[in-house]
Amino acid sequence: MCLGIPAKVTDIYHKDGLLMGRAEVGGIFKEICLEYTPEVKVGNYVVVHVGFAISILNEAEAAEMLDTLREFAESLSEENGAAPESQRGT
């Protein structure tokens, strides 16, 4: 299964002749290639697949995708007998 994850672009720069950036999802920052989305701006959300931003999303679309992914992860946890993250003690 291939999966693209929505992430917020926090920095844009050039590296080795490529348009690159940093993006954040869930408090984790990753370097991503922005060559497929050259019009992206800091603060935009993008769908990241294997280190490449493949499309730009608005904030509502990103939130909806993240909620769906969270629900999917929780359903897998419940299916495997683990308590959903929202019910785990800290």
PDB file of N, CA and C in Angstrom:
ATOM      1  N   MET A   1       0.848  -1.168   0.000  1.00  0.00           N
ATOM      2  CA  MET A   1       0.000   0.000   0.000  1.00  0.00           C
ATOM      3  C   MET A   1       0.892   1.229   0.000  1.00  0.00           C
ATOM      4  N   CYS A   2       0.543   2.209  -0.816  1.00  0.00           N
ATOM      5  CA  CYS A   2       1.255   3.483  -0.839  1.00  0.00           C
ATOM      6  C   CYS A   2       0.451   4.484  -0.028  1.00  0.00           C
ATOM      7  N   LEU A   3       1.148   5.322   0.683  1.00  0.00           N
ATOM      8  CA  LEU A   3       0.470   6.255   1.563  1.00  0.00           C
ATOM      9  C   LEU A   3       1.153   7.611   1.509  1.00  0.00           C
ATOM     10  N   GLY A   4       0.377   8.649   1.293  1.00  0.00           N
ATOM     11  CA  GLY A   4       0.876  10.014   1.361  1.00  0.00           C
ATOM     12  C   GLY A   4       0.386  10.635   2.658  1.00  0.00           C
ATOM     13  N   ILE A   5       1.258  11.339   3.334  1.00  0.00           N
ATOM     14  CA  ILE A   5       0.944  11.935   4.625  1.00  0.00           C
ATOM     15  C   ILE A   5       0.928  13.454   4.501  1.00  0.00           C
ATOM     16  N   PRO A   6      -0.108  14.132   5.020  1.00  0.00           N
ATOM     17  CA  PRO A   6      -0.100  15.588   4.988  1.00  0.00           C
ATOM     18  C   PRO A   6       0.907  16.143   5.997  1.00  0.00           C
ATOM     19  N   ALA A   7       1.655  17.152   5.579  1.00  0.00           N
ATOM     20  CA  ALA A   7       2.657  17.777   6.436  1.00  0.00           C
ATOM     21  C   ALA A   7       2.691  19.273   6.154  1.00  0.00           C
ATOM     22  N   LYS A   8       3.050  20.054   7.169  1.00  0.00           N
ATOM     23  CA  LYS A   8       3.116  21.509   7.038  1.00  0.00           C
ATOM     24  C   LYS A   8       4.547  21.925   6.710  1.00  0.00           C
ATOM     25  N   VAL A   9       4.712  22.696   5.635  1.00  0.00           N
ATOM     26  CA  VAL A   9       6.035  23.158   5.215  1.00  0.00           C
ATOM     27  C   VAL A   9       6.491  24.274   6.165  1.00  0.00           C
ATOM     28  N   THR A  10       7.666  24.086   6.767  1.00  0.00           N
ATOM     29  CA  THR A  10       8.188  25.057   7.729  1.00  0.00           C
ATOM     30  C   THR A  10       9.393  25.828   7.218  1.00  0.00           C
ATOM     31  N   ASP A  11      10.009  25.351   6.151  1.00  0.00           N
ATOM     32  CA  ASP A  11      11.202  26.004   5.612  1.00  0.00           C
ATOM     33  C   ASP A  11      11.365  25.570   4.160  1.00  0.00           C
ATOM     34  N   ILE A  12      11.864  26.491   3.326  1.00  0.00           N
ATOM     35  CA  ILE A  12      12.109  26.194   1.914  1.00  0.00           C
ATOM     36  C   ILE A  12      13.513  26.673   1.573  1.00  0.00           C
ATOM     37  N   TYR A  13      14.274  25.841   0.841  1.00  0.00           N
ATOM     38  CA  TYR A  13      15.648  26.187   0.471  1.00  0.00           C
ATOM     39  C   TYR A  13      16.083  25.357  -0.725  1.00  0.00           C
ATOM     40  N   HIS A  14      17.220  25.683  -1.268  1.00  0.00           N
ATOM     41  CA  HIS A  14      17.811  24.896  -2.354  1.00  0.00           C
ATOM     42  C   HIS A  14      18.977  24.083  -1.803  1.00  0.00           C
ATOM     43  N   LYS A  15      19.101  22.863  -2.276  1.00  0.00           N
ATOM     44  CA  LYS A  15      20.189  21.979  -1.857  1.00  0.00           C
ATOM     45  C   LYS A  15      20.588  21.147  -3.067  1.00  0.00           C
ATOM     46  N   ASP A  16      21.844  21.227  -3.428  1.00  0.00           N
ATOM     47  CA  ASP A  16      22.360  20.473  -4.578  1.00  0.00           C
ATOM     48  C   ASP A  16      21.533  20.724  -5.843  1.00  0.00           C
ATOM     49  N   GLY A  17      21.080  21.965  -6.011  1.00  0.00           N
ATOM     50  CA  GLY A  17      20.330  22.341  -7.198  1.00  0.00           C
ATOM     51  C   GLY A  17      18.860  21.946  -7.179  1.00  0.00           C
ATOM     52  N   LEU A  18      18.369  21.415  -6.074  1.00  0.00           N
ATOM     53  CA  LEU A  18      16.969  21.000  -5.952  1.00  0.00           C
ATOM     54  C   LEU A  18      16.227  21.889  -4.964  1.00  0.00           C
ATOM     55  N   LEU A  19      14.944  22.112  -5.228  1.00  0.00           N
ATOM     56  CA  LEU A  19      14.088  22.822  -4.294  1.00  0.00           C
ATOM     57  C   LEU A  19      13.721  21.857  -3.169  1.00  0.00           C
ATOM     58  N   MET A  20      14.119  22.196  -1.966  1.00  0.00           N
ATOM     59  CA  MET A  20      13.922  21.324  -0.811  1.00  0.00           C
ATOM     60  C   MET A  20      13.220  22.093   0.295  1.00  0.00           C
ATOM     61  N   GLY A  21      12.838  21.396   1.335  1.00  0.00           N
ATOM     62  CA  GLY A  21      12.214  22.044   2.470  1.00  0.00           C
ATOM     63  C   GLY A  21      12.171  21.124   3.667  1.00  0.00           C
ATOM     64  N   ARG A  22      11.701  21.705   4.757  1.00  0.00           N
ATOM     65  CA  ARG A  22      11.424  20.934   5.971  1.00  0.00           C
ATOM     66  C   ARG A  22       9.922  20.964   6.167  1.00  0.00           C
ATOM     67  N   ALA A  23       9.379  19.836   6.591  1.00  0.00           N
ATOM     68  CA  ALA A  23       7.944  19.749   6.840  1.00  0.00           C
ATOM     69  C   ALA A  23       7.722  19.041   8.170  1.00  0.00           C
ATOM     70  N   GLU A  24       6.622  19.395   8.821  1.00  0.00           N
ATOM     71  CA  GLU A  24       6.314  18.857  10.147  1.00  0.00           C
ATOM     72  C   GLU A  24       4.977  18.147  10.122  1.00  0.00           C
ATOM     73  N   VAL A  25       4.960  17.000  10.765  1.00  0.00           N
ATOM     74  CA  VAL A  25       3.708  16.281  11.022  1.00  0.00           C
ATOM     75  C   VAL A  25       3.843  15.589  12.370  1.00  0.00           C
ATOM     76  N   GLY A  26       2.913  15.862  13.234  1.00  0.00           N
ATOM     77  CA  GLY A  26       2.925  15.235  14.555  1.00  0.00           C
ATOM     78  C   GLY A  26       4.169  15.534  15.367  1.00  0.00           C
ATOM     79  N   GLY A  27       4.739  16.715  15.206  1.00  0.00           N
ATOM     80  CA  GLY A  27       5.922  17.096  15.962  1.00  0.00           C
ATOM     81  C   GLY A  27       7.223  16.556  15.400  1.00  0.00           C
ATOM     82  N   ILE A  28       7.165  15.849  14.290  1.00  0.00           N
ATOM     83  CA  ILE A  28       8.354  15.297  13.648  1.00  0.00           C
ATOM     84  C   ILE A  28       8.650  16.116  12.401  1.00  0.00           C
ATOM     85  N   PHE A  29       9.906  16.532  12.255  1.00  0.00           N
ATOM     86  CA  PHE A  29      10.335  17.328  11.107  1.00  0.00           C
ATOM     87  C   PHE A  29      11.168  16.459  10.177  1.00  0.00           C
ATOM     88  N   LYS A  30      10.887  16.576   8.888  1.00  0.00           N
ATOM     89  CA  LYS A  30      11.604  15.801   7.878  1.00  0.00           C
ATOM     90  C   LYS A  30      12.000  16.703   6.728  1.00  0.00           C
ATOM     91  N   GLU A  31      13.139  16.397   6.113  1.00  0.00           N
ATOM     92  CA  GLU A  31      13.534  17.086   4.898  1.00  0.00           C
ATOM     93  C   GLU A  31      12.773  16.452   3.744  1.00  0.00           C
ATOM     94  N   ILE A  32      12.192  17.292   2.882  1.00  0.00           N
ATOM     95  CA  ILE A  32      11.433  16.789   1.745  1.00  0.00           C
ATOM     96  C   ILE A  32      11.843  17.526   0.477  1.00  0.00           C
ATOM     97  N   CYS A  33      11.642  16.870  -0.646  1.00  0.00           N
ATOM     98  CA  CYS A  33      11.898  17.477  -1.946  1.00  0.00           C
ATOM     99  C   CYS A  33      10.620  18.177  -2.405  1.00  0.00           C
ATOM    100  N   LEU A  34      10.768  19.426  -2.841  1.00  0.00           N
ATOM    101  CA  LEU A  34       9.627  20.229  -3.276  1.00  0.00           C
ATOM    102  C   LEU A  34       9.593  20.447  -4.788  1.00  0.00           C
ATOM    103  N   GLU A  35      10.405  19.729  -5.532  1.00  0.00           N
ATOM    104  CA  GLU A  35      10.489  19.927  -6.978  1.00  0.00           C
ATOM    105  C   GLU A  35       9.152  19.730  -7.691  1.00  0.00           C
ATOM    106  N   TYR A  36       8.287  18.854  -7.185  1.00  0.00           N
ATOM    107  CA  TYR A  36       6.991  18.607  -7.824  1.00  0.00           C
ATOM    108  C   TYR A  36       5.954  19.668  -7.453  1.00  0.00           C
ATOM    109  N   THR A  37       6.266  20.493  -6.451  1.00  0.00           N
ATOM    110  CA  THR A  37       5.339  21.534  -5.989  1.00  0.00           C
ATOM    111  C   THR A  37       6.089  22.866  -5.855  1.00  0.00           C
ATOM    112  N   PRO A  38       6.641  23.379  -6.953  1.00  0.00           N
ATOM    113  CA  PRO A  38       7.493  24.567  -6.862  1.00  0.00           C
ATOM    114  C   PRO A  38       6.764  25.823  -6.388  1.00  0.00           C
ATOM    115  N   GLU A  39       5.446  25.844  -6.465  1.00  0.00           N
ATOM    116  CA  GLU A  39       4.685  27.014  -6.040  1.00  0.00           C
ATOM    117  C   GLU A  39       4.391  27.030  -4.534  1.00  0.00           C
ATOM    118  N   VAL A  40       4.813  25.998  -3.814  1.00  0.00           N
ATOM    119  CA  VAL A  40       4.547  25.888  -2.380  1.00  0.00           C
ATOM    120  C   VAL A  40       5.194  27.036  -1.611  1.00  0.00           C
ATOM    121  N   LYS A  41       4.550  27.426  -0.525  1.00  0.00           N
ATOM    122  CA  LYS A  41       5.062  28.487   0.347  1.00  0.00           C
ATOM    123  C   LYS A  41       5.129  27.971   1.777  1.00  0.00           C
ATOM    124  N   VAL A  42       5.982  28.583   2.583  1.00  0.00           N
ATOM    125  CA  VAL A  42       6.057  28.237   4.000  1.00  0.00           C
ATOM    126  C   VAL A  42       4.664  28.413   4.600  1.00  0.00           C
ATOM    127  N   GLY A  43       4.233  27.422   5.372  1.00  0.00           N
ATOM    128  CA  GLY A  43       2.910  27.442   5.983  1.00  0.00           C
ATOM    129  C   GLY A  43       1.885  26.615   5.220  1.00  0.00           C
ATOM    130  N   ASN A  44       2.172  26.298   3.938  1.00  0.00           N
ATOM    131  CA  ASN A  44       1.284  25.430   3.160  1.00  0.00           C
ATOM    132  C   ASN A  44       1.386  23.997   3.664  1.00  0.00           C
ATOM    133  N   TYR A  45       0.332  23.244   3.424  1.00  0.00           N
ATOM    134  CA  TYR A  45       0.333  21.811   3.687  1.00  0.00           C
ATOM    135  C   TYR A  45       0.544  21.082   2.368  1.00  0.00           C
ATOM    136  N   VAL A  46       1.298  20.004   2.422  1.00  0.00           N
ATOM    137  CA  VAL A  46       1.561  19.195   1.247  1.00  0.00           C
ATOM    138  C   VAL A  46       1.342  17.727   1.590  1.00  0.00           C
ATOM    139  N   VAL A  47       1.061  16.928   0.566  1.00  0.00           N
ATOM    140  CA  VAL A  47       1.020  15.479   0.732  1.00  0.00           C
ATOM    141  C   VAL A  47       2.431  14.983   0.436  1.00  0.00           C
ATOM    142  N   VAL A  48       3.029  14.275   1.405  1.00  0.00           N
ATOM    143  CA  VAL A  48       4.397  13.773   1.260  1.00  0.00           C
ATOM    144  C   VAL A  48       4.347  12.268   1.049  1.00  0.00           C
ATOM    145  N   HIS A  49       5.016  11.840  -0.008  1.00  0.00           N
ATOM    146  CA  HIS A  49       5.122  10.405  -0.312  1.00  0.00           C
ATOM    147  C   HIS A  49       6.586  10.111  -0.610  1.00  0.00           C
ATOM    148  N   VAL A  50       7.161   9.199   0.124  1.00  0.00           N
ATOM    149  CA  VAL A  50       8.560   8.787   0.027  1.00  0.00           C
ATOM    150  C   VAL A  50       9.517   9.979  -0.111  1.00  0.00           C
ATOM    151  N   GLY A  51       9.273  11.016   0.707  1.00  0.00           N
ATOM    152  CA  GLY A  51      10.180  12.159   0.755  1.00  0.00           C
ATOM    153  C   GLY A  51       9.929  13.237  -0.269  1.00  0.00           C
ATOM    154  N   PHE A  52       8.890  13.097  -1.082  1.00  0.00           N
ATOM    155  CA  PHE A  52       8.548  14.088  -2.100  1.00  0.00           C
ATOM    156  C   PHE A  52       7.185  14.694  -1.800  1.00  0.00           C
ATOM    157  N   ALA A  53       7.084  16.022  -1.860  1.00  0.00           N
ATOM    158  CA  ALA A  53       5.782  16.674  -1.789  1.00  0.00           C
ATOM    159  C   ALA A  53       5.132  16.482  -3.153  1.00  0.00           C
ATOM    160  N   ILE A  54       3.969  15.835  -3.187  1.00  0.00           N
ATOM    161  CA  ILE A  54       3.351  15.522  -4.476  1.00  0.00           C
ATOM    162  C   ILE A  54       2.130  16.377  -4.774  1.00  0.00           C
ATOM    163  N   SER A  55       1.597  17.079  -3.774  1.00  0.00           N
ATOM    164  CA  SER A  55       0.494  18.009  -4.011  1.00  0.00           C
ATOM    165  C   SER A  55       0.365  18.945  -2.822  1.00  0.00           C
ATOM    166  N   ILE A  56      -0.302  20.063  -3.066  1.00  0.00           N
ATOM    167  CA  ILE A  56      -0.532  21.062  -2.024  1.00  0.00           C
ATOM    168  C   ILE A  56      -1.978  20.943  -1.558  1.00  0.00           C
ATOM    169  N   LEU A  57      -2.184  21.035  -0.238  1.00  0.00           N
ATOM    170  CA  LEU A  57      -3.510  20.961   0.365  1.00  0.00           C
ATOM    171  C   LEU A  57      -3.809  22.261   1.093  1.00  0.00           C
ATOM    172  N   ASN A  58      -5.089  22.541   1.295  1.00  0.00           N
ATOM    173  CA  ASN A  58      -5.396  23.622   2.223  1.00  0.00           C
ATOM    174  C   ASN A  58      -5.472  23.032   3.631  1.00  0.00           C
ATOM    175  N   GLU A  59      -5.548  23.883   4.625  1.00  0.00           N
ATOM    176  CA  GLU A  59      -5.487  23.417   6.012  1.00  0.00           C
ATOM    177  C   GLU A  59      -6.640  22.478   6.361  1.00  0.00           C
ATOM    178  N   ALA A  60      -7.830  22.749   5.835  1.00  0.00           N
ATOM    179  CA  ALA A  60      -8.993  21.894   6.124  1.00  0.00           C
ATOM    180  C   ALA A  60      -8.802  20.495   5.532  1.00  0.00           C
ATOM    181  N   GLU A  61      -8.293  20.424   4.314  1.00  0.00           N
ATOM    182  CA  GLU A  61      -8.037  19.122   3.682  1.00  0.00           C
ATOM    183  C   GLU A  61      -6.994  18.342   4.471  1.00  0.00           C
ATOM    184  N   ALA A  62      -5.935  19.033   4.919  1.00  0.00           N
ATOM    185  CA  ALA A  62      -4.887  18.368   5.701  1.00  0.00           C
ATOM    186  C   ALA A  62      -5.454  17.835   7.010  1.00  0.00           C
ATOM    187  N   ALA A  63      -6.271  18.641   7.697  1.00  0.00           N
ATOM    188  CA  ALA A  63      -6.866  18.212   8.965  1.00  0.00           C
ATOM    189  C   ALA A  63      -7.767  17.001   8.766  1.00  0.00           C
ATOM    190  N   GLU A  64      -8.538  17.012   7.687  1.00  0.00           N
ATOM    191  CA  GLU A  64      -9.424  15.886   7.404  1.00  0.00           C
ATOM    192  C   GLU A  64      -8.625  14.609   7.141  1.00  0.00           C
ATOM    193  N   MET A  65      -7.540  14.723   6.360  1.00  0.00           N
ATOM    194  CA  MET A  65      -6.702  13.549   6.089  1.00  0.00           C
ATOM    195  C   MET A  65      -6.061  13.027   7.368  1.00  0.00           C
ATOM    196  N   LEU A  66      -5.552  13.934   8.209  1.00  0.00           N
ATOM    197  CA  LEU A  66      -4.912  13.513   9.458  1.00  0.00           C
ATOM    198  C   LEU A  66      -5.917  12.843  10.390  1.00  0.00           C
ATOM    199  N   ASP A  67      -7.137  13.379  10.462  1.00  0.00           N
ATOM    200  CA  ASP A  67      -8.180  12.748  11.284  1.00  0.00           C
ATOM    201  C   ASP A  67      -8.505  11.346  10.779  1.00  0.00           C
ATOM    202  N   THR A  68      -8.605  11.197   9.472  1.00  0.00           N
ATOM    203  CA  THR A  68      -8.893   9.884   8.893  1.00  0.00           C
ATOM    204  C   THR A  68      -7.770   8.892   9.193  1.00  0.00           C
ATOM    205  N   LEU A  69      -6.522   9.341   9.053  1.00  0.00           N
ATOM    206  CA  LEU A  69      -5.384   8.466   9.364  1.00  0.00           C
ATOM    207  C   LEU A  69      -5.370   8.086  10.843  1.00  0.00           C
ATOM    208  N   ARG A  70      -5.692   9.038  11.719  1.00  0.00           N
ATOM    209  CA  ARG A  70      -5.736   8.773  13.165  1.00  0.00           C
ATOM    210  C   ARG A  70      -6.818   7.739  13.474  1.00  0.00           C
ATOM    211  N   GLU A  71      -8.002   7.894  12.872  1.00  0.00           N
ATOM    212  CA  GLU A  71      -9.087   6.936  13.082  1.00  0.00           C
ATOM    213  C   GLU A  71      -8.700   5.542  12.590  1.00  0.00           C
ATOM    214  N   PHE A  72      -8.041   5.487  11.454  1.00  0.00           N
ATOM    215  CA  PHE A  72      -7.590   4.211  10.901  1.00  0.00           C
ATOM    216  C   PHE A  72      -6.601   3.538  11.855  1.00  0.00           C
ATOM    217  N   ALA A  73      -5.635   4.311  12.364  1.00  0.00           N
ATOM    218  CA  ALA A  73      -4.643   3.764  13.291  1.00  0.00           C
ATOM    219  C   ALA A  73      -5.315   3.257  14.563  1.00  0.00           C
ATOM    220  N   GLU A  74      -6.293   4.004  15.061  1.00  0.00           N
ATOM    221  CA  GLU A  74      -7.003   3.576  16.269  1.00  0.00           C
ATOM    222  C   GLU A  74      -7.800   2.294  16.014  1.00  0.00           C
ATOM    223  N   SER A  75      -8.409   2.184  14.837  1.00  0.00           N
ATOM    224  CA  SER A  75      -9.178   0.971  14.549  1.00  0.00           C
ATOM    225  C   SER A  75      -8.256  -0.244  14.451  1.00  0.00           C
ATOM    226  N   LEU A  76      -7.051  -0.043  13.901  1.00  0.00           N
ATOM    227  CA  LEU A  76      -6.086  -1.145  13.848  1.00  0.00           C
ATOM    228  C   LEU A  76      -5.639  -1.536  15.250  1.00  0.00           C
ATOM    229  N   SER A  77      -5.425  -0.547  16.124  1.00  0.00           N
ATOM    230  CA  SER A  77      -5.024  -0.834  17.499  1.00  0.00           C
ATOM    231  C   SER A  77      -6.105  -1.628  18.217  1.00  0.00           C
ATOM    232  N   GLU A  78      -7.348  -1.204  18.056  1.00  0.00           N
ATOM    233  CA  GLU A  78      -8.459  -1.901  18.702  1.00  0.00           C
ATOM    234  C   GLU A  78      -8.591  -3.320  18.162  1.00  0.00           C
ATOM    235  N   GLU A  79      -8.413  -3.467  16.869  1.00  0.00           N
ATOM    236  CA  GLU A  79      -8.501  -4.781  16.231  1.00  0.00           C
ATOM    237  C   GLU A  79      -7.436  -5.726  16.767  1.00  0.00           C
ATOM    238  N   ASN A  80      -6.279  -5.170  17.097  1.00  0.00           N
ATOM    239  CA  ASN A  80      -5.170  -5.976  17.603  1.00  0.00           C
ATOM    240  C   ASN A  80      -5.154  -6.056  19.126  1.00  0.00           C
ATOM    241  N   GLY A  81      -6.199  -5.550  19.782  1.00  0.00           N
ATOM    242  CA  GLY A  81      -6.318  -5.671  21.229  1.00  0.00           C
ATOM    243  C   GLY A  81      -5.609  -4.593  22.026  1.00  0.00           C
ATOM    244  N   ALA A  82      -5.044  -3.599  21.383  1.00  0.00           N
ATOM    245  CA  ALA A  82      -4.390  -2.504  22.106  1.00  0.00           C
ATOM    246  C   ALA A  82      -5.384  -1.396  22.339  1.00  0.00           C
ATOM    247  N   ALA A  83      -5.208  -0.681  23.443  1.00  0.00           N
ATOM    248  CA  ALA A  83      -6.081   0.457  23.733  1.00  0.00           C
ATOM    249  C   ALA A  83      -5.762   1.589  22.760  1.00  0.00           C
ATOM    250  N   PRO A  84      -6.807   2.282  22.270  1.00  0.00           N
ATOM    251  CA  PRO A  84      -6.556   3.427  21.389  1.00  0.00           C
ATOM    252  C   PRO A  84      -5.690   4.458  22.090  1.00  0.00           C
ATOM    253  N   GLU A  85      -4.908   5.188  21.332  1.00  0.00           N
ATOM    254  CA  GLU A  85      -3.998   6.191  21.885  1.00  0.00           C
ATOM    255  C   GLU A  85      -4.737   7.173  22.786  1.00  0.00           C
ATOM    256  N   SER A  86      -5.962   7.538  22.409  1.00  0.00           N
ATOM    257  CA  SER A  86      -6.717   8.520  23.186  1.00  0.00           C
ATOM    258  C   SER A  86      -7.120   7.969  24.552  1.00  0.00           C
ATOM    259  N   GLN A  87      -7.033   6.642  24.769  1.00  0.00           N
ATOM    260  CA  GLN A  87      -7.401   6.037  26.038  1.00  0.00           C
ATOM    261  C   GLN A  87      -6.204   5.557  26.840  1.00  0.00           C
ATOM    262  N   ARG A  88      -4.999   5.747  26.331  1.00  0.00           N
ATOM    263  CA  ARG A  88      -3.790   5.310  27.047  1.00  0.00           C
ATOM    264  C   ARG A  88      -3.436   6.330  28.116  1.00  0.00           C
ATOM    265  N   GLY A  89      -2.932   5.863  29.216  1.00  0.00           N
ATOM    266  CA  GLY A  89      -2.452   6.756  30.279  1.00  0.00           C
ATOM    267  C   GLY A  89      -1.113   7.336  29.905  1.00  0.00           C
ATOM    268  N   THR A  90      -0.808   8.507  30.442  1.00  0.00           N
ATOM    269  CA  THR A  90       0.492   9.129  30.154  1.00  0.00           C
ATOM    270  C   THR A  90       1.404   9.049  31.328  1.00  0.00           C
TER     271      THR A  90
END
